[in-house]
PDB file of N, CA and C in Angstrom:
ATOM      1  N   MET A   1       0.617  -0.968   0.174  1.00  0.00           N
ATOM      2  CA  MET A   1       0.037  -0.066   0.167  1.00  0.00           C
ATOM      3  C   MET A   1       1.001   1.331   0.216  1.00  0.00           C
ATOM      4  N   ASN A   2       0.394   2.275  -0.680  1.00  0.00           N
ATOM      5  CA  ASN A   2       1.255   3.412  -0.568  1.00  0.00           C
ATOM      6  C   ASN A   2       1.199   4.477   0.231  1.00  0.00           C
ATOM      7  N   LEU A   3       2.161   4.965   0.734  1.00  0.00           N
ATOM      8  CA  LEU A   3       2.231   5.617   1.852  1.00  0.00           C
ATOM      9  C   LEU A   3       2.145   7.146   1.466  1.00  0.00           C
ATOM     10  N   GLY A   4       1.646   8.271   2.575  1.00  0.00           N
ATOM     11  CA  GLY A   4       1.776   9.812   1.988  1.00  0.00           C
ATOM     12  C   GLY A   4       2.296  10.537   3.080  1.00  0.00           C
ATOM     13  N   ARG A   5       2.960  11.563   2.941  1.00  0.00           N
ATOM     14  CA  ARG A   5       2.657  12.489   4.297  1.00  0.00           C
ATOM     15  C   ARG A   5       1.865  13.566   4.419  1.00  0.00           C
ATOM     16  N   VAL A   6       0.970  13.653   4.768  1.00  0.00           N
ATOM     17  CA  VAL A   6      -0.025  14.393   5.140  1.00  0.00           C
ATOM     18  C   VAL A   6      -0.432  14.922   6.385  1.00  0.00           C
ATOM     19  N   HIS A   7      -1.223  16.122   6.643  1.00  0.00           N
ATOM     20  CA  HIS A   7      -1.827  16.953   7.556  1.00  0.00           C
ATOM     21  C   HIS A   7      -2.860  16.247   8.450  1.00  0.00           C
ATOM     22  N   VAL A   8      -3.077  15.895   9.474  1.00  0.00           N
ATOM     23  CA  VAL A   8      -3.754  15.202  10.348  1.00  0.00           C
ATOM     24  C   VAL A   8      -4.425  16.288  11.225  1.00  0.00           C
ATOM     25  N   TRP A   9      -5.840  16.054  11.925  1.00  0.00           N
ATOM     26  CA  TRP A   9      -5.935  16.910  13.474  1.00  0.00           C
ATOM     27  C   TRP A   9      -5.870  15.900  14.243  1.00  0.00           C
ATOM     28  N   GLU A  10      -5.024  16.119  14.916  1.00  0.00           N
ATOM     29  CA  GLU A  10      -4.730  15.719  16.463  1.00  0.00           C
ATOM     30  C   GLU A  10      -5.392  16.749  17.571  1.00  0.00           C
ATOM     31  N   ARG A  11      -6.467  16.054  18.161  1.00  0.00           N
ATOM     32  CA  ARG A  11      -7.319  16.425  19.425  1.00  0.00           C
ATOM     33  C   ARG A  11      -6.350  16.879  20.508  1.00  0.00           C
ATOM     34  N   ASN A  12      -6.365  17.956  20.902  1.00  0.00           N
ATOM     35  CA  ASN A  12      -6.307  18.446  22.347  1.00  0.00           C
ATOM     36  C   ASN A  12      -6.837  19.581  23.042  1.00  0.00           C
ATOM     37  N   PRO A  13      -7.731  18.808  23.864  1.00  0.00           N
ATOM     38  CA  PRO A  13      -8.817  19.723  24.487  1.00  0.00           C
ATOM     39  C   PRO A  13      -8.160  20.766  25.059  1.00  0.00           C
ATOM     40  N   ASP A  14      -7.275  20.896  25.550  1.00  0.00           N
ATOM     41  CA  ASP A  14      -6.424  22.463  26.163  1.00  0.00           C
ATOM     42  C   ASP A  14      -6.107  23.068  25.103  1.00  0.00           C
ATOM     43  N   ALA A  15      -5.938  22.752  23.995  1.00  0.00           N
ATOM     44  CA  ALA A  15      -5.168  23.891  22.890  1.00  0.00           C
ATOM     45  C   ALA A  15      -6.504  24.565  22.786  1.00  0.00           C
ATOM     46  N   PRO A  16      -6.506  25.860  22.323  1.00  0.00           N
ATOM     47  CA  PRO A  16      -7.832  26.624  22.244  1.00  0.00           C
ATOM     48  C   PRO A  16      -8.444  26.312  21.071  1.00  0.00           C
ATOM     49  N   LEU A  17      -7.806  25.627  20.148  1.00  0.00           N
ATOM     50  CA  LEU A  17      -9.033  25.316  19.156  1.00  0.00           C
ATOM     51  C   LEU A  17      -9.713  23.584  19.167  1.00  0.00           C
ATOM     52  N   GLY A  18      -9.197  23.109  20.240  1.00  0.00           N
ATOM     53  CA  GLY A  18      -9.188  21.600  20.638  1.00  0.00           C
ATOM     54  C   GLY A  18      -8.879  20.688  19.860  1.00  0.00           C
ATOM     55  N   GLY A  19      -7.142  21.370  19.546  1.00  0.00           N
ATOM     56  CA  GLY A  19      -6.317  20.408  18.736  1.00  0.00           C
ATOM     57  C   GLY A  19      -5.705  20.988  17.706  1.00  0.00           C
ATOM     58  N   ARG A  20      -4.439  20.200  17.142  1.00  0.00           N
ATOM     59  CA  ARG A  20      -3.884  20.996  16.093  1.00  0.00           C
ATOM     60  C   ARG A  20      -3.272  20.412  14.906  1.00  0.00           C
ATOM     61  N   ALA A  21      -3.136  20.788  13.818  1.00  0.00           N
ATOM     62  CA  ALA A  21      -2.803  19.843  12.875  1.00  0.00           C
ATOM     63  C   ALA A  21      -1.223  19.302  12.432  1.00  0.00           C
ATOM     64  N   VAL A  22      -0.964  18.153  12.584  1.00  0.00           N
ATOM     65  CA  VAL A  22       0.298  17.405  12.428  1.00  0.00           C
ATOM     66  C   VAL A  22       0.377  17.038  11.298  1.00  0.00           C
ATOM     67  N   CYS A  23       2.097  16.821  11.057  1.00  0.00           N
ATOM     68  CA  CYS A  23       2.341  15.991   9.736  1.00  0.00           C
ATOM     69  C   CYS A  23       2.464  14.579   9.954  1.00  0.00           C
ATOM     70  N   ARG A  24       1.702  13.906   9.603  1.00  0.00           N
ATOM     71  CA  ARG A  24       2.253  12.060   9.669  1.00  0.00           C
ATOM     72  C   ARG A  24       2.487  11.553   8.539  1.00  0.00           C
ATOM     73  N   ILE A  25       3.132  10.071   8.444  1.00  0.00           N
ATOM     74  CA  ILE A  25       2.845   9.307   7.022  1.00  0.00           C
ATOM     75  C   ILE A  25       2.148   8.337   7.633  1.00  0.00           C
ATOM     76  N   VAL A  26       1.285   8.225   6.613  1.00  0.00           N
ATOM     77  CA  VAL A  26       0.079   7.240   6.616  1.00  0.00           C
ATOM     78  C   VAL A  26      -0.298   6.264   5.530  1.00  0.00           C
ATOM     79  N   PRO A  27      -1.107   5.341   5.895  1.00  0.00           N
ATOM     80  CA  PRO A  27      -1.304   4.662   4.499  1.00  0.00           C
ATOM     81  C   PRO A  27      -2.325   5.361   3.744  1.00  0.00           C
ATOM     82  N   LEU A  28      -2.171   5.354   2.286  1.00  0.00           N
ATOM     83  CA  LEU A  28      -3.034   5.982   1.254  1.00  0.00           C
ATOM     84  C   LEU A  28      -4.193   5.039   0.685  1.00  0.00           C
ATOM     85  N   PRO A  29      -4.849   4.202   1.520  1.00  0.00           N
ATOM     86  CA  PRO A  29      -5.950   3.014   1.040  1.00  0.00           C
ATOM     87  C   PRO A  29      -6.592   3.172  -0.394  1.00  0.00           C
ATOM     88  N   ASN A  30      -6.794   4.566  -0.664  1.00  0.00           N
ATOM     89  CA  ASN A  30      -8.124   4.502  -1.686  1.00  0.00           C
ATOM     90  C   ASN A  30      -7.269   5.528  -3.083  1.00  0.00           C
ATOM     91  N   LEU A  31      -5.867   5.276  -2.943  1.00  0.00           N
ATOM     92  CA  LEU A  31      -5.454   5.848  -4.147  1.00  0.00           C
ATOM     93  C   LEU A  31      -5.924   4.847  -5.633  1.00  0.00           C
ATOM     94  N   ASP A  32      -5.655   5.184  -6.745  1.00  0.00           N
ATOM     95  CA  ASP A  32      -5.868   4.088  -7.980  1.00  0.00           C
ATOM     96  C   ASP A  32      -5.090   3.295  -7.594  1.00  0.00           C
ATOM     97  N   ALA A  33      -5.938   2.080  -8.183  1.00  0.00           N
ATOM     98  CA  ALA A  33      -5.137   0.787  -8.311  1.00  0.00           C
ATOM     99  C   ALA A  33      -3.514   0.690  -8.867  1.00  0.00           C
ATOM    100  N   ASP A  34      -3.247   1.614 -10.175  1.00  0.00           N
ATOM    101  CA  ASP A  34      -1.875   1.259 -10.619  1.00  0.00           C
ATOM    102  C   ASP A  34      -0.990   2.450  -9.072  1.00  0.00           C
ATOM    103  N   GLY A  35      -1.451   2.953  -8.848  1.00  0.00           N
ATOM    104  CA  GLY A  35      -0.278   3.554  -7.732  1.00  0.00           C
ATOM    105  C   GLY A  35       0.385   4.498  -8.127  1.00  0.00           C
ATOM    106  N   ALA A  36       0.340   5.275  -9.436  1.00  0.00           N
ATOM    107  CA  ALA A  36       1.322   6.403 -10.144  1.00  0.00           C
ATOM    108  C   ALA A  36       1.048   7.582 -10.076  1.00  0.00           C
ATOM    109  N   ARG A  37      -0.267   7.854  -9.551  1.00  0.00           N
ATOM    110  CA  ARG A  37      -0.356   9.120  -9.522  1.00  0.00           C
ATOM    111  C   ARG A  37      -1.095   9.339  -8.045  1.00  0.00           C
ATOM    112  N   LEU A  38      -1.226  10.662  -8.064  1.00  0.00           N
ATOM    113  CA  LEU A  38      -1.694  10.867  -6.623  1.00  0.00           C
ATOM    114  C   LEU A  38      -3.258  11.172  -6.660  1.00  0.00           C
ATOM    115  N   SER A  39      -4.457  10.077  -6.611  1.00  0.00           N
ATOM    116  CA  SER A  39      -5.581  10.554  -7.071  1.00  0.00           C
ATOM    117  C   SER A  39      -6.227   8.916  -6.996  1.00  0.00           C
ATOM    118  N   GLY A  40      -7.478   9.206  -6.456  1.00  0.00           N
ATOM    119  CA  GLY A  40      -8.587   8.111  -6.165  1.00  0.00           C
ATOM    120  C   GLY A  40      -9.834   8.632  -6.042  1.00  0.00           C
ATOM    121  N   GLY A  41     -10.735   7.548  -5.520  1.00  0.00           N
ATOM    122  CA  GLY A  41     -12.136   8.031  -5.650  1.00  0.00           C
ATOM    123  C   GLY A  41     -12.530   9.088  -5.083  1.00  0.00           C
ATOM    124  N   TYR A  42     -11.704   9.635  -4.192  1.00  0.00           N
ATOM    125  CA  TYR A  42     -11.952  11.186  -3.794  1.00  0.00           C
ATOM    126  C   TYR A  42     -11.140  12.326  -3.987  1.00  0.00           C
ATOM    127  N   VAL A  43     -10.515  12.087  -4.484  1.00  0.00           N
ATOM    128  CA  VAL A  43      -9.339  13.360  -4.940  1.00  0.00           C
ATOM    129  C   VAL A  43      -8.677  12.947  -6.242  1.00  0.00           C
ATOM    130  N   ARG A  44      -8.167  13.854  -6.738  1.00  0.00           N
ATOM    131  CA  ARG A  44      -7.235  13.737  -7.583  1.00  0.00           C
ATOM    132  C   ARG A  44      -6.646  15.186  -8.211  1.00  0.00           C
ATOM    133  N   VAL A  45      -5.212  14.972  -7.724  1.00  0.00           N
ATOM    134  CA  VAL A  45      -4.278  16.160  -7.101  1.00  0.00           C
ATOM    135  C   VAL A  45      -3.552  16.275  -8.754  1.00  0.00           C
ATOM    136  N   ARG A  46      -3.572  17.561  -9.013  1.00  0.00           N
ATOM    137  CA  ARG A  46      -2.683  17.741 -10.221  1.00  0.00           C
ATOM    138  C   ARG A  46      -1.948  19.163 -10.135  1.00  0.00           C
ATOM    139  N   ASN A  47      -0.959  19.208 -10.685  1.00  0.00           N
ATOM    140  CA  ASN A  47      -0.042  20.460 -10.736  1.00  0.00           C
ATOM    141  C   ASN A  47      -0.206  21.268 -12.279  1.00  0.00           C
ATOM    142  N   ALA A  48      -0.973  22.472 -11.805  1.00  0.00           N
ATOM    143  CA  ALA A  48      -1.148  23.161 -13.224  1.00  0.00           C
ATOM    144  C   ALA A  48       0.848  24.211 -13.506  1.00  0.00           C
ATOM    145  N   ALA A  49       1.085  24.019 -12.745  1.00  0.00           N
ATOM    146  CA  ALA A  49       2.475  24.928 -12.872  1.00  0.00           C
ATOM    147  C   ALA A  49       3.692  24.362 -14.024  1.00  0.00           C
ATOM    148  N   TRP A  50       3.903  25.758 -14.157  1.00  0.00           N
ATOM    149  CA  TRP A  50       4.931  25.646 -15.822  1.00  0.00           C
ATOM    150  C   TRP A  50       5.827  26.277 -15.262  1.00  0.00           C
ATOM    151  N   LEU A  51       7.096  25.955 -16.185  1.00  0.00           N
ATOM    152  CA  LEU A  51       8.330  26.661 -16.152  1.00  0.00           C
ATOM    153  C   LEU A  51       9.018  26.984 -17.090  1.00  0.00           C
ATOM    154  N   ASN A  52       9.624  28.169 -17.113  1.00  0.00           N
ATOM    155  CA  ASN A  52      10.367  29.188 -18.128  1.00  0.00           C
ATOM    156  C   ASN A  52      11.513  28.478 -18.445  1.00  0.00           C
ATOM    157  N   GLU A  53      11.708  26.889 -19.318  1.00  0.00           N
ATOM    158  CA  GLU A  53      12.882  27.028 -19.796  1.00  0.00           C
ATOM    159  C   GLU A  53      13.861  27.673 -20.908  1.00  0.00           C
ATOM    160  N   PRO A  54      15.205  27.379 -20.924  1.00  0.00           N
ATOM    161  CA  PRO A  54      15.788  28.197 -21.977  1.00  0.00           C
ATOM    162  C   PRO A  54      15.445  27.601 -23.164  1.00  0.00           C
ATOM    163  N   ARG A  55      15.401  27.870 -24.180  1.00  0.00           N
ATOM    164  CA  ARG A  55      15.311  27.348 -25.590  1.00  0.00           C
ATOM    165  C   ARG A  55      16.874  26.995 -25.819  1.00  0.00           C
ATOM    166  N   ALA A  56      16.987  26.073 -26.432  1.00  0.00           N
ATOM    167  CA  ALA A  56      18.317  25.411 -27.254  1.00  0.00           C
ATOM    168  C   ALA A  56      18.834  26.584 -28.270  1.00  0.00           C
ATOM    169  N   GLY A  57      20.257  27.254 -27.528  1.00  0.00           N
ATOM    170  CA  GLY A  57      20.743  28.150 -28.404  1.00  0.00           C
ATOM    171  C   GLY A  57      20.738  29.216 -27.378  1.00  0.00           C
ATOM    172  N   GLY A  58      19.966  29.520 -26.501  1.00  0.00           N
ATOM    173  CA  GLY A  58      19.515  30.771 -25.735  1.00  0.00           C
ATOM    174  C   GLY A  58      18.956  31.962 -26.125  1.00  0.00           C
ATOM    175  N   GLU A  59      18.152  31.546 -26.886  1.00  0.00           N
ATOM    176  CA  GLU A  59      17.334  32.476 -27.270  1.00  0.00           C
ATOM    177  C   GLU A  59      15.935  32.255 -26.609  1.00  0.00           C
ATOM    178  N   GLY A  60      15.735  33.042 -26.046  1.00  0.00           N
ATOM    179  CA  GLY A  60      14.328  32.926 -25.249  1.00  0.00           C
ATOM    180  C   GLY A  60      14.111  31.760 -24.265  1.00  0.00           C
ATOM    181  N   VAL A  61      12.616  31.544 -24.300  1.00  0.00           N
ATOM    182  CA  VAL A  61      12.457  30.487 -23.242  1.00  0.00           C
ATOM    183  C   VAL A  61      11.240  29.312 -24.004  1.00  0.00           C
ATOM    184  N   VAL A  62      11.367  28.451 -23.497  1.00  0.00           N
ATOM    185  CA  VAL A  62       9.827  27.750 -23.712  1.00  0.00           C
ATOM    186  C   VAL A  62       9.129  27.335 -22.406  1.00  0.00           C
ATOM    187  N   PRO A  63       7.843  27.498 -22.372  1.00  0.00           N
ATOM    188  CA  PRO A  63       7.132  27.535 -21.229  1.00  0.00           C
ATOM    189  C   PRO A  63       6.948  25.664 -20.914  1.00  0.00           C
ATOM    190  N   THR A  64       7.263  25.042 -19.805  1.00  0.00           N
ATOM    191  CA  THR A  64       7.106  23.876 -19.998  1.00  0.00           C
ATOM    192  C   THR A  64       6.036  23.521 -18.600  1.00  0.00           C
ATOM    193  N   PRO A  65       5.546  22.411 -19.106  1.00  0.00           N
ATOM    194  CA  PRO A  65       4.474  21.954 -17.825  1.00  0.00           C
ATOM    195  C   PRO A  65       5.381  21.101 -16.993  1.00  0.00           C
ATOM    196  N   LEU A  66       5.228  21.795 -15.345  1.00  0.00           N
ATOM    197  CA  LEU A  66       5.791  20.760 -14.482  1.00  0.00           C
ATOM    198  C   LEU A  66       5.638  19.651 -14.284  1.00  0.00           C
ATOM    199  N   GLY A  67       4.309  19.544 -14.774  1.00  0.00           N
ATOM    200  CA  GLY A  67       3.943  17.645 -14.334  1.00  0.00           C
ATOM    201  C   GLY A  67       3.325  17.445 -12.897  1.00  0.00           C
ATOM    202  N   ASN A  68       2.573  16.816 -12.914  1.00  0.00           N
ATOM    203  CA  ASN A  68       1.683  15.995 -11.644  1.00  0.00           C
ATOM    204  C   ASN A  68       2.774  15.613 -10.417  1.00  0.00           C
ATOM    205  N   ALA A  69       2.616  15.430  -9.307  1.00  0.00           N
ATOM    206  CA  ALA A  69       3.075  14.354  -8.300  1.00  0.00           C
ATOM    207  C   ALA A  69       3.591  13.287  -8.897  1.00  0.00           C
ATOM    208  N   ARG A  70       4.604  12.365  -8.725  1.00  0.00           N
ATOM    209  CA  ARG A  70       5.305  11.116  -9.190  1.00  0.00           C
ATOM    210  C   ARG A  70       5.187  10.444  -7.712  1.00  0.00           C
ATOM    211  N   PRO A  71       5.133   9.009  -7.540  1.00  0.00           N
ATOM    212  CA  PRO A  71       5.437   8.578  -6.116  1.00  0.00           C
ATOM    213  C   PRO A  71       7.088   8.445  -6.491  1.00  0.00           C
ATOM    214  N   ASN A  72       7.783   8.286  -5.180  1.00  0.00           N
ATOM    215  CA  ASN A  72       9.284   7.764  -4.978  1.00  0.00           C
ATOM    216  C   ASN A  72       9.475   6.009  -5.582  1.00  0.00           C
ATOM    217  N   ASP A  73      10.744   6.053  -5.765  1.00  0.00           N
ATOM    218  CA  ASP A  73      10.714   4.579  -5.951  1.00  0.00           C
ATOM    219  C   ASP A  73      10.576   3.375  -5.145  1.00  0.00           C
ATOM    220  N   ALA A  74       9.906   3.700  -4.225  1.00  0.00           N
ATOM    221  CA  ALA A  74       8.984   2.676  -3.191  1.00  0.00           C
ATOM    222  C   ALA A  74       7.734   2.752  -3.220  1.00  0.00           C
ATOM    223  N   GLY A  75       7.190   3.931  -4.332  1.00  0.00           N
ATOM    224  CA  GLY A  75       5.721   4.124  -4.494  1.00  0.00           C
ATOM    225  C   GLY A  75       5.345   5.066  -3.623  1.00  0.00           C
ATOM    226  N   ASP A  76       5.836   5.672  -2.959  1.00  0.00           N
ATOM    227  CA  ASP A  76       5.004   6.539  -2.046  1.00  0.00           C
ATOM    228  C   ASP A  76       5.048   8.161  -2.108  1.00  0.00           C
ATOM    229  N   PHE A  77       4.333   8.624  -1.725  1.00  0.00           N
ATOM    230  CA  PHE A  77       3.754  10.263  -1.918  1.00  0.00           C
ATOM    231  C   PHE A  77       4.577  10.717  -0.601  1.00  0.00           C
ATOM    232  N   LEU A  78       5.832  11.063  -0.500  1.00  0.00           N
ATOM    233  CA  LEU A  78       6.510  11.502   0.804  1.00  0.00           C
ATOM    234  C   LEU A  78       7.010  13.003   0.485  1.00  0.00           C
ATOM    235  N   PHE A  79       6.427  13.881   0.237  1.00  0.00           N
ATOM    236  CA  PHE A  79       7.151  15.167  -0.113  1.00  0.00           C
ATOM    237  C   PHE A  79       7.513  16.025   1.238  1.00  0.00           C
ATOM    238  N   GLU A  80       8.474  16.508   1.037  1.00  0.00           N
ATOM    239  CA  GLU A  80       8.789  17.200   2.060  1.00  0.00           C
ATOM    240  C   GLU A  80       8.246  18.498   2.477  1.00  0.00           C
ATOM    241  N   HIS A  81       8.109  19.136   3.681  1.00  0.00           N
ATOM    242  CA  HIS A  81       7.205  20.412   3.918  1.00  0.00           C
ATOM    243  C   HIS A  81       7.704  21.106   3.650  1.00  0.00           C
ATOM    244  N   GLY A  82       7.245  22.635   3.112  1.00  0.00           N
ATOM    245  CA  GLY A  82       7.942  23.508   2.772  1.00  0.00           C
ATOM    246  C   GLY A  82       8.771  23.682   1.581  1.00  0.00           C
ATOM    247  N   ARG A  83       8.598  22.594   0.826  1.00  0.00           N
ATOM    248  CA  ARG A  83       9.821  22.560  -0.385  1.00  0.00           C
ATOM    249  C   ARG A  83       8.897  23.319  -1.648  1.00  0.00           C
ATOM    250  N   GLY A  84       7.549  24.036  -1.606  1.00  0.00           N
ATOM    251  CA  GLY A  84       6.792  24.176  -2.738  1.00  0.00           C
ATOM    252  C   GLY A  84       7.573  25.468  -3.042  1.00  0.00           C
ATOM    253  N   GLY A  85       8.252  26.141  -2.401  1.00  0.00           N
ATOM    254  CA  GLY A  85       8.779  27.626  -2.733  1.00  0.00           C
ATOM    255  C   GLY A  85       8.097  28.655  -3.578  1.00  0.00           C
ATOM    256  N   PRO A  86       8.561  29.673  -3.965  1.00  0.00           N
ATOM    257  CA  PRO A  86       7.613  30.870  -4.833  1.00  0.00           C
ATOM    258  C   PRO A  86       7.464  30.418  -6.233  1.00  0.00           C
ATOM    259  N   ARG A  87       6.248  31.222  -6.913  1.00  0.00           N
ATOM    260  CA  ARG A  87       5.856  30.935  -8.130  1.00  0.00           C
ATOM    261  C   ARG A  87       6.874  30.750  -8.761  1.00  0.00           C
ATOM    262  N   VAL A  88       7.013  29.686  -9.983  1.00  0.00           N
ATOM    263  CA  VAL A  88       7.964  29.436 -11.010  1.00  0.00           C
ATOM    264  C   VAL A  88       7.467  30.002 -11.877  1.00  0.00           C
ATOM    265  N   ASP A  89       6.402  30.560 -12.521  1.00  0.00           N
ATOM    266  CA  ASP A  89       5.908  30.936 -14.001  1.00  0.00           C
ATOM    267  C   ASP A  89       6.582  32.132 -14.076  1.00  0.00           C
ATOM    268  N   SER A  90       6.816  32.913 -13.227  1.00  0.00           N
ATOM    269  CA  SER A  90       7.912  34.193 -13.774  1.00  0.00           C
ATOM    270  C   SER A  90       9.281  34.310 -13.782  1.00  0.00           C
ATOM    271  N   THR A  91       9.671  33.071 -13.524  1.00  0.00           N
ATOM    272  CA  THR A  91      11.172  33.142 -13.081  1.00  0.00           C
ATOM    273  C   THR A  91      11.735  32.031 -14.559  1.00  0.00           C
ATOM    274  N   HIS A  92      12.847  32.673 -14.951  1.00  0.00           N
ATOM    275  CA  HIS A  92      13.277  31.641 -16.107  1.00  0.00           C
ATOM    276  C   HIS A  92      14.506  31.082 -15.156  1.00  0.00           C
ATOM    277  N   CYS A  93      14.653  29.645 -15.541  1.00  0.00           N
ATOM    278  CA  CYS A  93      15.712  28.334 -15.340  1.00  0.00           C
ATOM    279  C   CYS A  93      16.812  28.706 -15.911  1.00  0.00           C
ATOM    280  N   ALA A  94      17.921  28.248 -15.110  1.00  0.00           N
ATOM    281  CA  ALA A  94      19.138  28.141 -15.759  1.00  0.00           C
ATOM    282  C   ALA A  94      19.451  27.286 -16.817  1.00  0.00           C
ATOM    283  N   ALA A  95      19.913  27.344 -17.985  1.00  0.00           N
ATOM    284  CA  ALA A  95      20.493  26.339 -18.851  1.00  0.00           C
ATOM    285  C   ALA A  95      20.854  25.474 -18.073  1.00  0.00           C
ATOM    286  N   PRO A  96      20.296  24.291 -18.695  1.00  0.00           N
ATOM    287  CA  PRO A  96      21.359  22.890 -17.945  1.00  0.00           C
ATOM    288  C   PRO A  96      22.544  22.676 -18.441  1.00  0.00           C
ATOM    289  N   SER A  97      23.325  22.395 -17.482  1.00  0.00           N
ATOM    290  CA  SER A  97      24.769  21.962 -18.025  1.00  0.00           C
ATOM    291  C   SER A  97      24.879  20.335 -17.738  1.00  0.00           C
ATOM    292  N   THR A  98      25.905  19.723 -18.183  1.00  0.00           N
ATOM    293  CA  THR A  98      26.103  18.508 -17.901  1.00  0.00           C
ATOM    294  C   THR A  98      26.585  18.098 -16.639  1.00  0.00           C
ATOM    295  N   ASP A  99      26.854  18.879 -15.605  1.00  0.00           N
ATOM    296  CA  ASP A  99      27.321  18.817 -14.502  1.00  0.00           C
ATOM    297  C   ASP A  99      26.371  19.107 -13.760  1.00  0.00           C
ATOM    298  N   ASP A 100      24.870  19.471 -13.831  1.00  0.00           N
ATOM    299  CA  ASP A 100      23.992  19.902 -13.156  1.00  0.00           C
ATOM    300  C   ASP A 100      23.010  18.943 -12.357  1.00  0.00           C
ATOM    301  N   ALA A 101      22.931  18.342 -11.234  1.00  0.00           N
ATOM    302  CA  ALA A 101      22.255  17.233 -10.659  1.00  0.00           C
ATOM    303  C   ALA A 101      20.840  17.473 -11.309  1.00  0.00           C
ATOM    304  N   THR A 102      20.406  18.934 -10.810  1.00  0.00           N
ATOM    305  CA  THR A 102      19.107  19.318 -10.773  1.00  0.00           C
ATOM    306  C   THR A 102      18.199  19.462 -11.990  1.00  0.00           C
ATOM    307  N   SER A 103      19.175  19.568 -13.181  1.00  0.00           N
ATOM    308  CA  SER A 103      18.846  19.644 -14.779  1.00  0.00           C
ATOM    309  C   SER A 103      18.565  18.281 -14.952  1.00  0.00           C
ATOM    310  N   ARG A 104      19.195  17.238 -14.643  1.00  0.00           N
ATOM    311  CA  ARG A 104      19.066  15.949 -14.665  1.00  0.00           C
ATOM    312  C   ARG A 104      18.259  15.269 -14.405  1.00  0.00           C
ATOM    313  N   ARG A 105      17.512  15.503 -13.165  1.00  0.00           N
ATOM    314  CA  ARG A 105      16.273  14.975 -12.333  1.00  0.00           C
ATOM    315  C   ARG A 105      15.072  15.447 -12.904  1.00  0.00           C
ATOM    316  N   ARG A 106      15.245  17.018 -13.343  1.00  0.00           N
ATOM    317  CA  ARG A 106      14.211  17.542 -13.879  1.00  0.00           C
ATOM    318  C   ARG A 106      13.731  16.762 -15.485  1.00  0.00           C
ATOM    319  N   ALA A 107      14.778  16.474 -16.112  1.00  0.00           N
ATOM    320  CA  ALA A 107      14.398  15.731 -17.245  1.00  0.00           C
ATOM    321  C   ALA A 107      14.384  14.640 -17.254  1.00  0.00           C
ATOM    322  N   SER A 108      14.697  13.899 -16.423  1.00  0.00           N
ATOM    323  CA  SER A 108      14.262  11.993 -15.933  1.00  0.00           C
ATOM    324  C   SER A 108      13.030  12.017 -15.790  1.00  0.00           C
ATOM    325  N   ALA A 109      12.216  13.170 -15.024  1.00  0.00           N
ATOM    326  CA  ALA A 109      10.888  13.411 -14.763  1.00  0.00           C
ATOM    327  C   ALA A 109       9.921  13.321 -15.441  1.00  0.00           C
ATOM    328  N   ARG A 110      10.270  14.047 -16.468  1.00  0.00           N
ATOM    329  CA  ARG A 110       8.748  14.365 -17.666  1.00  0.00           C
ATOM    330  C   ARG A 110       8.756  12.685 -18.466  1.00  0.00           C
TER     331      ARG A 110
END
């Protein structure tokens, strides 16, 4: 079964709101059978973000879809807290280089 890092409500009668949101790793029993997407009977998570990647030759940019969330090698959706960052649609990506690990990861995710 796929796991996911999610926010759940933890009850605490002493807290002003009666509890607090906490981050937990939990089973995701209702994902679609293939487990390749973060979607199921109750939700379909989609990422509509685009990156402005440099054109080959350095002239301008090519708007490129960032893509939906993908599971890790174990099939789990364990995203790090606070890794979303600022808006990327108005920022230009650096041209990839052969020793740039981030560019290789981005290219392999497509």
